[in-house]
All heavy atoms as atom14 arrays in JSON, in Angstrom:
{
  "sequence": "TTSRQNQGFLAEMGQAILTGISYMIPVIVAAGLM",
  "atom14_mask": [
    [1, 1, 1, 1, 1, 1, 1, 0, 0, 0, 0, 0, 0, 0],
    [1, 1, 1, 1, 1, 1, 1, 0, 0, 0, 0, 0, 0, 0],
    [1, 1, 1, 1, 1, 1, 0, 0, 0, 0, 0, 0, 0, 0],
    [1, 1, 1, 1, 1, 1, 1, 1, 1, 1, 1, 0, 0, 0],
    [1, 1, 1, 1, 1, 1, 1, 1, 1, 0, 0, 0, 0, 0],
    [1, 1, 1, 1, 1, 1, 1, 1, 0, 0, 0, 0, 0, 0],
    [1, 1, 1, 1, 1, 1, 1, 1, 1, 0, 0, 0, 0, 0],
    [1, 1, 1, 1, 0, 0, 0, 0, 0, 0, 0, 0, 0, 0],
    [1, 1, 1, 1, 1, 1, 1, 1, 1, 1, 1, 0, 0, 0],
    [1, 1, 1, 1, 1, 1, 1, 1, 0, 0, 0, 0, 0, 0],
    [1, 1, 1, 1, 1, 0, 0, 0, 0, 0, 0, 0, 0, 0],
    [1, 1, 1, 1, 1, 1, 1, 1, 1, 0, 0, 0, 0, 0],
    [1, 1, 1, 1, 1, 1, 1, 1, 0, 0, 0, 0, 0, 0],
    [1, 1, 1, 1, 0, 0, 0, 0, 0, 0, 0, 0, 0, 0],
    [1, 1, 1, 1, 1, 1, 1, 1, 1, 0, 0, 0, 0, 0],
    [1, 1, 1, 1, 1, 0, 0, 0, 0, 0, 0, 0, 0, 0],
    [1, 1, 1, 1, 1, 1, 1, 1, 0, 0, 0, 0, 0, 0],
    [1, 1, 1, 1, 1, 1, 1, 1, 0, 0, 0, 0, 0, 0],
    [1, 1, 1, 1, 1, 1, 1, 0, 0, 0, 0, 0, 0, 0],
    [1, 1, 1, 1, 0, 0, 0, 0, 0, 0, 0, 0, 0, 0],
    [1, 1, 1, 1, 1, 1, 1, 1, 0, 0, 0, 0, 0, 0],
    [1, 1, 1, 1, 1, 1, 0, 0, 0, 0, 0, 0, 0, 0],
    [1, 1, 1, 1, 1, 1, 1, 1, 1, 1, 1, 1, 0, 0],
    [1, 1, 1, 1, 1, 1, 1, 1, 0, 0, 0, 0, 0, 0],
    [1, 1, 1, 1, 1, 1, 1, 1, 0, 0, 0, 0, 0, 0],
    [1, 1, 1, 1, 1, 1, 1, 0, 0, 0, 0, 0, 0, 0],
    [1, 1, 1, 1, 1, 1, 1, 0, 0, 0, 0, 0, 0, 0],
    [1, 1, 1, 1, 1, 1, 1, 1, 0, 0, 0, 0, 0, 0],
    [1, 1, 1, 1, 1, 1, 1, 0, 0, 0, 0, 0, 0, 0],
    [1, 1, 1, 1, 1, 0, 0, 0, 0, 0, 0, 0, 0, 0],
    [1, 1, 1, 1, 1, 0, 0, 0, 0, 0, 0, 0, 0, 0],
    [1, 1, 1, 1, 0, 0, 0, 0, 0, 0, 0, 0, 0, 0],
    [1, 1, 1, 1, 1, 1, 1, 1, 0, 0, 0, 0, 0, 0],
    [1, 1, 1, 1, 1, 1, 1, 1, 0, 0, 0, 0, 0, 0]
  ],
  "atom14_positions": [
    [[-26.57, -19.42, -5.38], [-27.13, -19.02, -4.09], [-27.39, -20.22, -3.21], [-27.06, -20.23, -2.03], [-28.45, -18.23, -4.3], [-28.17, -17.09, -5.11], [-29.02, -17.79, -2.97], [0.0, 0.0, 0.0], [0.0, 0.0, 0.0], [0.0, 0.0, 0.0], [0.0, 0.0, 0.0], [0.0, 0.0, 0.0], [0.0, 0.0, 0.0], [0.0, 0.0, 0.0]],
    [[-27.97, -21.28, -3.8], [-28.22, -22.49, -3.03], [-26.93, -23.1, -2.52], [-26.82, -23.52, -1.38], [-28.97, -23.53, -3.91], [-30.18, -22.95, -4.36], [-29.26, -24.79, -3.12], [0.0, 0.0, 0.0], [0.0, 0.0, 0.0], [0.0, 0.0, 0.0], [0.0, 0.0, 0.0], [0.0, 0.0, 0.0], [0.0, 0.0, 0.0], [0.0, 0.0, 0.0]],
    [[-25.92, -23.11, -3.4], [-24.62, -23.66, -3.0], [-24.03, -22.87, -1.85], [-23.5, -23.44, -0.89], [-23.67, -23.65, -4.2], [-22.38, -24.05, -3.83], [0.0, 0.0, 0.0], [0.0, 0.0, 0.0], [0.0, 0.0, 0.0], [0.0, 0.0, 0.0], [0.0, 0.0, 0.0], [0.0, 0.0, 0.0], [0.0, 0.0, 0.0], [0.0, 0.0, 0.0]],
    [[-24.1, -21.54, -1.91], [-23.53, -20.72, -0.85], [-24.27, -20.94, 0.46], [-23.68, -20.98, 1.53], [-23.58, -19.23, -1.25], [-22.68, -18.89, -2.41], [-22.38, -17.41, -2.41], [-23.55, -16.58, -2.56], [-23.99, -16.13, -3.72], [-23.37, -16.47, -4.83], [-25.05, -15.36, -3.79], [0.0, 0.0, 0.0], [0.0, 0.0, 0.0], [0.0, 0.0, 0.0]],
    [[-25.6, -21.06, 0.38], [-26.38, -21.29, 1.6], [-26.02, -22.62, 2.24], [-25.93, -22.73, 3.46], [-27.88, -21.24, 1.27], [-28.37, -19.84, 0.91], [-29.81, -19.84, 0.44], [-30.37, -20.88, 0.1], [-30.41, -18.67, 0.4], [0.0, 0.0, 0.0], [0.0, 0.0, 0.0], [0.0, 0.0, 0.0], [0.0, 0.0, 0.0], [0.0, 0.0, 0.0]],
    [[-25.82, -23.64, 1.4], [-25.48, -24.95, 1.93], [-24.05, -24.97, 2.48], [-23.76, -25.67, 3.45], [-25.62, -26.02, 0.84], [-27.06, -26.24, 0.43], [-27.97, -25.94, 1.2], [-27.27, -26.75, -0.76], [0.0, 0.0, 0.0], [0.0, 0.0, 0.0], [0.0, 0.0, 0.0], [0.0, 0.0, 0.0], [0.0, 0.0, 0.0], [0.0, 0.0, 0.0]],
    [[-23.15, -24.2, 1.86], [-21.75, -24.26, 2.21], [-21.43, -23.48, 3.48], [-20.64, -23.9, 4.3], [-20.92, -23.71, 1.05], [-19.43, -23.92, 1.2], [-18.67, -23.41, -0.01], [-19.09, -22.48, -0.68], [-17.55, -24.02, -0.29], [0.0, 0.0, 0.0], [0.0, 0.0, 0.0], [0.0, 0.0, 0.0], [0.0, 0.0, 0.0], [0.0, 0.0, 0.0]],
    [[-22.07, -22.32, 3.66], [-21.78, -21.5, 4.82], [-20.68, -20.48, 4.52], [-19.81, -20.71, 3.68], [0.0, 0.0, 0.0], [0.0, 0.0, 0.0], [0.0, 0.0, 0.0], [0.0, 0.0, 0.0], [0.0, 0.0, 0.0], [0.0, 0.0, 0.0], [0.0, 0.0, 0.0], [0.0, 0.0, 0.0], [0.0, 0.0, 0.0], [0.0, 0.0, 0.0]],
    [[-20.73, -19.35, 5.22], [-19.83, -18.24, 4.93], [-18.37, -18.61, 5.17], [-17.51, -18.38, 4.32], [-20.21, -17.04, 5.8], [-19.3, -15.86, 5.65], [-19.33, -15.08, 4.51], [-18.39, -15.54, 6.65], [-18.49, -13.99, 4.36], [-17.54, -14.46, 6.52], [-17.59, -13.68, 5.37], [0.0, 0.0, 0.0], [0.0, 0.0, 0.0], [0.0, 0.0, 0.0]],
    [[-18.07, -19.19, 6.33], [-16.67, -19.51, 6.65], [-16.12, -20.57, 5.71], [-14.96, -20.49, 5.28], [-16.56, -19.96, 8.11], [-16.83, -18.88, 9.16], [-16.73, -19.47, 10.56], [-15.85, -17.72, 9.01], [0.0, 0.0, 0.0], [0.0, 0.0, 0.0], [0.0, 0.0, 0.0], [0.0, 0.0, 0.0], [0.0, 0.0, 0.0], [0.0, 0.0, 0.0]],
    [[-16.94, -21.57, 5.41], [-16.48, -22.62, 4.49], [-16.22, -22.05, 3.1], [-15.26, -22.41, 2.43], [-17.51, -23.75, 4.42], [0.0, 0.0, 0.0], [0.0, 0.0, 0.0], [0.0, 0.0, 0.0], [0.0, 0.0, 0.0], [0.0, 0.0, 0.0], [0.0, 0.0, 0.0], [0.0, 0.0, 0.0], [0.0, 0.0, 0.0], [0.0, 0.0, 0.0]],
    [[-17.08, -21.14, 2.67], [-16.92, -20.51, 1.36], [-15.64, -19.68, 1.32], [-14.87, -19.72, 0.36], [-18.13, -19.63, 1.06], [-18.04, -18.92, -0.28], [-19.14, -17.89, -0.44], [-19.43, -17.16, 0.53], [-19.69, -17.8, -1.54], [0.0, 0.0, 0.0], [0.0, 0.0, 0.0], [0.0, 0.0, 0.0], [0.0, 0.0, 0.0], [0.0, 0.0, 0.0]],
    [[-15.41, -18.94, 2.4], [-14.2, -18.12, 2.48], [-12.95, -19.01, 2.47], [-11.96, -18.71, 1.79], [-14.22, -17.27, 3.75], [-13.05, -16.31, 3.88], [-13.07, -15.43, 5.46], [-14.59, -14.52, 5.31], [0.0, 0.0, 0.0], [0.0, 0.0, 0.0], [0.0, 0.0, 0.0], [0.0, 0.0, 0.0], [0.0, 0.0, 0.0], [0.0, 0.0, 0.0]],
    [[-13.0, -20.09, 3.22], [-11.86, -21.01, 3.24], [-11.58, -21.61, 1.89], [-10.42, -21.74, 1.47], [0.0, 0.0, 0.0], [0.0, 0.0, 0.0], [0.0, 0.0, 0.0], [0.0, 0.0, 0.0], [0.0, 0.0, 0.0], [0.0, 0.0, 0.0], [0.0, 0.0, 0.0], [0.0, 0.0, 0.0], [0.0, 0.0, 0.0], [0.0, 0.0, 0.0]],
    [[-12.64, -21.96, 1.15], [-12.45, -22.53, -0.18], [-11.84, -21.51, -1.13], [-10.99, -21.83, -1.96], [-13.8, -23.01, -0.73], [-13.71, -23.71, -2.07], [-12.84, -24.96, -2.01], [-13.02, -25.79, -1.13], [-11.91, -25.08, -2.93], [0.0, 0.0, 0.0], [0.0, 0.0, 0.0], [0.0, 0.0, 0.0], [0.0, 0.0, 0.0], [0.0, 0.0, 0.0]],
    [[-12.26, -20.25, -0.99], [-11.7, -19.2, -1.84], [-10.21, -19.02, -1.58], [-9.41, -18.85, -2.51], [-12.45, -17.88, -1.6], [0.0, 0.0, 0.0], [0.0, 0.0, 0.0], [0.0, 0.0, 0.0], [0.0, 0.0, 0.0], [0.0, 0.0, 0.0], [0.0, 0.0, 0.0], [0.0, 0.0, 0.0], [0.0, 0.0, 0.0], [0.0, 0.0, 0.0]],
    [[-9.83, -19.04, -0.32], [-8.42, -18.89, 0.04], [-7.59, -20.04, -0.53], [-6.5, -19.84, -1.07], [-8.27, -18.8, 1.57], [-8.9, -17.5, 2.08], [-6.79, -18.86, 1.97], [-9.02, -17.42, 3.58], [0.0, 0.0, 0.0], [0.0, 0.0, 0.0], [0.0, 0.0, 0.0], [0.0, 0.0, 0.0], [0.0, 0.0, 0.0], [0.0, 0.0, 0.0]],
    [[-8.12, -21.26, -0.41], [-7.4, -22.42, -0.95], [-7.26, -22.33, -2.46], [-6.24, -22.75, -3.03], [-8.12, -23.7, -0.56], [-8.1, -24.07, 0.92], [-8.84, -25.37, 1.14], [-6.67, -24.18, 1.42], [0.0, 0.0, 0.0], [0.0, 0.0, 0.0], [0.0, 0.0, 0.0], [0.0, 0.0, 0.0], [0.0, 0.0, 0.0], [0.0, 0.0, 0.0]],
    [[-8.28, -21.79, -3.12], [-8.19, -21.6, -4.56], [-7.06, -20.64, -4.9], [-6.24, -20.89, -5.8], [-9.52, -21.05, -5.12], [-10.57, -21.99, -4.84], [-9.42, -20.84, -6.63], [0.0, 0.0, 0.0], [0.0, 0.0, 0.0], [0.0, 0.0, 0.0], [0.0, 0.0, 0.0], [0.0, 0.0, 0.0], [0.0, 0.0, 0.0], [0.0, 0.0, 0.0]],
    [[-7.0, -19.53, -4.18], [-5.91, -18.57, -4.4], [-4.54, -19.18, -4.17], [-3.61, -18.97, -4.96], [0.0, 0.0, 0.0], [0.0, 0.0, 0.0], [0.0, 0.0, 0.0], [0.0, 0.0, 0.0], [0.0, 0.0, 0.0], [0.0, 0.0, 0.0], [0.0, 0.0, 0.0], [0.0, 0.0, 0.0], [0.0, 0.0, 0.0], [0.0, 0.0, 0.0]],
    [[-4.42, -19.96, -3.12], [-3.14, -20.6, -2.8], [-2.74, -21.58, -3.9], [-1.58, -21.64, -4.31], [-3.22, -21.3, -1.44], [-3.33, -20.26, -0.31], [-2.0, -22.19, -1.21], [-3.59, -20.86, 1.04], [0.0, 0.0, 0.0], [0.0, 0.0, 0.0], [0.0, 0.0, 0.0], [0.0, 0.0, 0.0], [0.0, 0.0, 0.0], [0.0, 0.0, 0.0]],
    [[-3.71, -22.35, -4.4], [-3.39, -23.35, -5.42], [-2.88, -22.7, -6.7], [-2.02, -23.26, -7.39], [-4.63, -24.21, -5.72], [-5.64, -23.45, -6.34], [0.0, 0.0, 0.0], [0.0, 0.0, 0.0], [0.0, 0.0, 0.0], [0.0, 0.0, 0.0], [0.0, 0.0, 0.0], [0.0, 0.0, 0.0], [0.0, 0.0, 0.0], [0.0, 0.0, 0.0]],
    [[-3.4, -21.52, -7.04], [-2.91, -20.81, -8.23], [-1.59, -20.1, -7.95], [-0.81, -19.83, -8.88], [-3.94, -19.79, -8.71], [-5.06, -20.39, -9.52], [-6.27, -20.74, -8.94], [-4.9, -20.63, -10.88], [-7.3, -21.29, -9.68], [-5.92, -21.19, -11.64], [-7.12, -21.52, -11.03], [-8.12, -22.08, -11.77], [0.0, 0.0, 0.0], [0.0, 0.0, 0.0]],
    [[-1.33, -19.79, -6.71], [-0.1, -19.09, -6.35], [1.11, -20.04, -6.34], [2.24, -19.63, -6.64], [-0.26, -18.45, -4.97], [0.95, -17.7, -4.47], [0.66, -16.96, -2.85], [0.54, -18.44, -1.83], [0.0, 0.0, 0.0], [0.0, 0.0, 0.0], [0.0, 0.0, 0.0], [0.0, 0.0, 0.0], [0.0, 0.0, 0.0], [0.0, 0.0, 0.0]],
    [[0.88, -21.3, -6.02], [1.99, -22.25, -5.86], [2.86, -22.36, -7.12], [4.09, -22.34, -7.02], [1.44, -23.62, -5.42], [0.99, -23.55, -3.95], [2.5, -24.7, -5.59], [0.31, -24.8, -3.46], [0.0, 0.0, 0.0], [0.0, 0.0, 0.0], [0.0, 0.0, 0.0], [0.0, 0.0, 0.0], [0.0, 0.0, 0.0], [0.0, 0.0, 0.0]],
    [[2.29, -22.47, -8.34], [3.18, -22.54, -9.52], [4.06, -21.31, -9.67], [5.18, -21.41, -10.17], [2.19, -22.66, -10.69], [0.95, -23.25, -10.09], [0.88, -22.67, -8.7], [0.0, 0.0, 0.0], [0.0, 0.0, 0.0], [0.0, 0.0, 0.0], [0.0, 0.0, 0.0], [0.0, 0.0, 0.0], [0.0, 0.0, 0.0], [0.0, 0.0, 0.0]],
    [[3.55, -20.16, -9.27], [4.36, -18.94, -9.33], [5.56, -19.06, -8.39], [6.7, -18.73, -8.75], [3.51, -17.71, -8.95], [4.36, -16.44, -8.97], [2.33, -17.56, -9.9], [0.0, 0.0, 0.0], [0.0, 0.0, 0.0], [0.0, 0.0, 0.0], [0.0, 0.0, 0.0], [0.0, 0.0, 0.0], [0.0, 0.0, 0.0], [0.0, 0.0, 0.0]],
    [[5.28, -19.56, -7.2], [6.35, -19.73, -6.21], [7.38, -20.74, -6.71], [8.6, -20.52, -6.6], [5.75, -20.2, -4.88], [4.82, -19.12, -4.31], [6.83, -20.55, -3.87], [3.99, -19.6, -3.14], [0.0, 0.0, 0.0], [0.0, 0.0, 0.0], [0.0, 0.0, 0.0], [0.0, 0.0, 0.0], [0.0, 0.0, 0.0], [0.0, 0.0, 0.0]],
    [[6.9, -21.84, -7.27], [7.81, -22.87, -7.77], [8.68, -22.32, -8.9], [9.91, -22.54, -8.92], [7.02, -24.1, -8.24], [7.94, -25.09, -8.95], [6.32, -24.78, -7.07], [0.0, 0.0, 0.0], [0.0, 0.0, 0.0], [0.0, 0.0, 0.0], [0.0, 0.0, 0.0], [0.0, 0.0, 0.0], [0.0, 0.0, 0.0], [0.0, 0.0, 0.0]],
    [[8.04, -21.6, -9.83], [8.8, -21.05, -10.95], [9.86, -20.07, -10.46], [11.02, -20.11, -10.9], [7.85, -20.35, -11.93], [0.0, 0.0, 0.0], [0.0, 0.0, 0.0], [0.0, 0.0, 0.0], [0.0, 0.0, 0.0], [0.0, 0.0, 0.0], [0.0, 0.0, 0.0], [0.0, 0.0, 0.0], [0.0, 0.0, 0.0], [0.0, 0.0, 0.0]],
    [[9.47, -19.21, -9.53], [10.43, -18.24, -8.99], [11.57, -18.95, -8.27], [12.74, -18.61, -8.43], [9.71, -17.28, -8.05], [0.0, 0.0, 0.0], [0.0, 0.0, 0.0], [0.0, 0.0, 0.0], [0.0, 0.0, 0.0], [0.0, 0.0, 0.0], [0.0, 0.0, 0.0], [0.0, 0.0, 0.0], [0.0, 0.0, 0.0], [0.0, 0.0, 0.0]],
    [[11.22, -19.94, -7.47], [12.24, -20.68, -6.73], [13.21, -21.41, -7.64], [14.42, -21.44, -7.38], [0.0, 0.0, 0.0], [0.0, 0.0, 0.0], [0.0, 0.0, 0.0], [0.0, 0.0, 0.0], [0.0, 0.0, 0.0], [0.0, 0.0, 0.0], [0.0, 0.0, 0.0], [0.0, 0.0, 0.0], [0.0, 0.0, 0.0], [0.0, 0.0, 0.0]],
    [[12.68, -21.97, -8.72], [13.55, -22.69, -9.67], [14.52, -21.73, -10.35], [15.71, -22.04, -10.51], [12.71, -23.42, -10.71], [12.05, -24.72, -10.26], [11.12, -25.26, -11.33], [13.11, -25.76, -9.91], [0.0, 0.0, 0.0], [0.0, 0.0, 0.0], [0.0, 0.0, 0.0], [0.0, 0.0, 0.0], [0.0, 0.0, 0.0], [0.0, 0.0, 0.0]],
    [[14.01, -20.58, -10.79], [14.89, -19.6, -11.45], [16.02, -19.17, -10.52], [17.2, -19.16, -10.88], [14.09, -18.38, -11.91], [13.02, -18.64, -12.95], [13.62, -19.39, -14.47], [13.11, -21.1, -14.23], [0.0, 0.0, 0.0], [0.0, 0.0, 0.0], [0.0, 0.0, 0.0], [0.0, 0.0, 0.0], [0.0, 0.0, 0.0], [0.0, 0.0, 0.0]]
  ]
}
């Protein structure tokens, strides 16, 4: 809760999106290589 309050809603949302993208990239690379 303290972390979220310090980070802010938009910053938290942005970090979540970047996390999703970082996990998605290996999938894209693997598909592209095949």
